[in-house]
C-alpha cells in the first residue's frame, strides 16, 4: 500500500525539438532517458514540432510503454527569427533555433527547463543535472572543446573564453524573462550576423561572455570518442555521426523505439551519402581556394 503522505516528486522538465527527418533520433534519445531514469524520476517532455507527421507523433506516444511521462507538443513560428541570420546558413534545420525562443512558448509556470538535442543517448538519471543550482546564471552548459579558435575570434570572443555547446543546456527561464534575454540575443544576432556559423550557439556564447554562465562537467555533454566508463551520462553524437565510436550504443536504443532503427542504418541512406560525398570530392578538384571548398562542404552537409 502506498503512503498517501509521501510527497510527489516534481517532474524533470525536458525540452527537445525535431522535424520529421530527426524524429527517429528524437525517439531514440527519449527511449534512453526513459530506460535509464531512476524509479522515482517523473519526466515531462516539451517537444517543438518542426513538421513531424501524425505517424511520428504516434510513435513518440508509444514510448510510454517504456516508462510513463507527460508530453506536450508546440509549433512555434520562427519566421521572425530568420531575418536575423544570413540567407546562406543552411547547416542546421530551422527548428533547432527554438532554443532561443523557449521562454516565449513554454508555460509561464516553468522557472527552468532542460534542453536536449535529439542526437544523444542518456545513460543514467537526469535528476542530478536537473537539480543543479543555476544561481544567477541564465544557462548552464558544458564546453565544446573542438570549436576552432579562428571562429571564436571571428565572433569577438577572447582566446581564453570557454566556448560551450548549446546541445545540452539547463536554462534559467525565470532569469530569461526578468532580464529580457531573448531581446538581447536578437540584438547580438544582428551585431555578428556576417560571422555567425553556428546560429544560436554563437549568439548564446557571445551573450554568456558578456554576462556569465555556469560550466557543467563534460559528462553531461560528451562526444562518443571521449566516453569515460562510469562517468559519462550523456553521449552526444554530433558532427560526422558515421565516424563516431560507440555507435552500437546509439543503435541499441534506436531498436527500443517504434522506428526500430535510425535512417543512417539504412542501405539506400548510405548509398545516397556516398554519392553526395563523391560529388563533393569531384567538385573540389575545380576549387583551388580552401575557402571555396569549405563553403561547398557546408552546402553538402556531409554528416
Foldseek 3Di string as FASTA:
>chain_A
DDDPPDDQDDAAAEEEEDEQQLLLLQQLQVLLQLQAADPRHAYEYEYEYPHHDPVSVVLSVVSCVSPHYHYDYHHDDCPVVVVLADPLQDLDDPRVVCVLVVLVPPDPVDQKHKYAYSQKHFNHHCVVVSPDDFDLAQKEFAAPVPDDQVLCVLLPHDSPQRQGDPRIMIGRSNNCVVVVVSVVLSVSSNVSRVSDRPPSSSSVSVVCVVPHGHHDPCLDEDDQVRDDPPRRGMHGCDDQNVPGPPVVVSLVSSCVTPVNGRPVVDPVSVVVLVVLVVVLVVVVVVPPDPVVSVSVCSVSSRD
